[in-house]
Protein backbone atom coordinates (compact mmCIF):
# COMPACT_ATOMS: atom_id res chain seq x y z
CA MET A 1 1.21 11.00 -4.91
CA ALA A 2 2.68 8.83 -7.62
CA ILE A 3 1.85 9.88 -11.14
CA PHE A 4 -0.16 7.36 -13.13
CA ASP A 5 1.36 6.92 -16.59
CA THR A 6 -1.69 6.51 -18.80
CA LEU A 7 0.35 5.87 -21.94
CA ALA A 8 2.36 3.07 -20.34
CA ALA A 9 -0.77 1.55 -18.82
CA ALA A 10 -2.62 1.66 -22.13
CA ARG A 11 0.35 0.07 -23.90
CA ASP A 12 0.54 -2.68 -21.27
CA MET A 13 -3.17 -3.42 -21.59
CA GLU A 14 -2.91 -3.42 -25.38
CA ALA A 15 0.07 -5.80 -25.20
CA ALA A 16 -2.04 -8.08 -23.02
CA GLY A 17 -4.66 -8.30 -25.75
CA MET A 18 -7.02 -5.40 -25.10
CA ASP A 19 -7.91 -3.27 -28.10
CA ARG A 20 -6.31 0.19 -28.14
CA LYS A 21 -9.50 2.23 -27.73
CA THR A 22 -10.61 0.24 -24.69
CA ALA A 23 -7.11 0.28 -23.16
CA GLU A 24 -6.94 4.06 -23.49
CA ALA A 25 -10.41 4.48 -21.99
CA VAL A 26 -9.57 2.25 -19.01
CA ALA A 27 -6.28 4.08 -18.40
CA MET A 28 -8.06 7.45 -18.45
CA ALA A 29 -10.78 6.19 -16.11
CA ILE A 30 -8.13 5.05 -13.64
CA ARG A 31 -6.31 8.38 -13.82
CA ASN A 32 -9.51 10.37 -13.42
CA GLY A 33 -10.50 8.33 -10.39
CA GLN A 34 -7.30 9.12 -8.51
CA GLY A 35 -8.09 12.73 -7.67
CA ASP A 36 -9.20 12.26 -4.07
CA LEU A 37 -6.77 9.60 -2.89
CA ALA A 38 -4.80 10.29 0.28
CA THR A 39 -1.09 9.68 0.43
CA LYS A 40 0.71 8.23 3.44
CA ALA A 41 1.96 11.75 4.21
CA ASP A 42 -1.62 13.08 4.08
CA LEU A 43 -2.73 10.46 6.59
CA GLU A 44 0.23 11.10 8.87
CA ARG A 45 -0.53 14.85 8.93
CA ALA A 46 -4.18 14.16 9.71
CA VAL A 47 -3.34 11.76 12.53
CA ASN A 48 -0.80 14.18 13.99
CA ARG A 49 -3.55 16.81 14.29
CA MET A 50 -6.06 14.46 15.92
CA PRO A 51 -6.61 14.30 19.68
CA LEU A 52 -5.52 10.99 21.21
CA ALA A 53 -9.11 9.92 21.94
CA GLN A 54 -10.02 10.19 18.26
CA ILE A 55 -6.95 8.18 17.27
CA VAL A 56 -7.92 5.39 19.66
CA VAL A 57 -11.50 5.31 18.36
CA ALA A 58 -10.36 5.39 14.72
CA GLY A 59 -7.87 2.60 15.39
CA ALA A 60 -10.55 0.47 17.01
CA LEU A 61 -12.90 1.02 14.08
CA PHE A 62 -10.22 0.17 11.53
CA ALA A 63 -9.29 -2.95 13.50
CA ALA A 64 -12.94 -4.00 13.65
CA LEU A 65 -13.23 -3.53 9.90
CA LYS A 66 -9.86 -5.23 9.34
CA VAL A 67 -8.68 -2.30 7.24
CA PHE A 68 -5.12 -2.41 8.54
């Protein structure tokens, strides 16, 4: 997973006009919310362990939801 640079993000938000305290809080909220994200490699490992029938059903559901 890519590392979220909170300092750079806060500086960018501050440069765009946000006050420092708010920029830092937003950057920390983004970083804290990233804990349970799956990477492409995580998804590939999960799919490789799934039976074909489950892959077909999951693909159909994603297509129906237009996730892909």
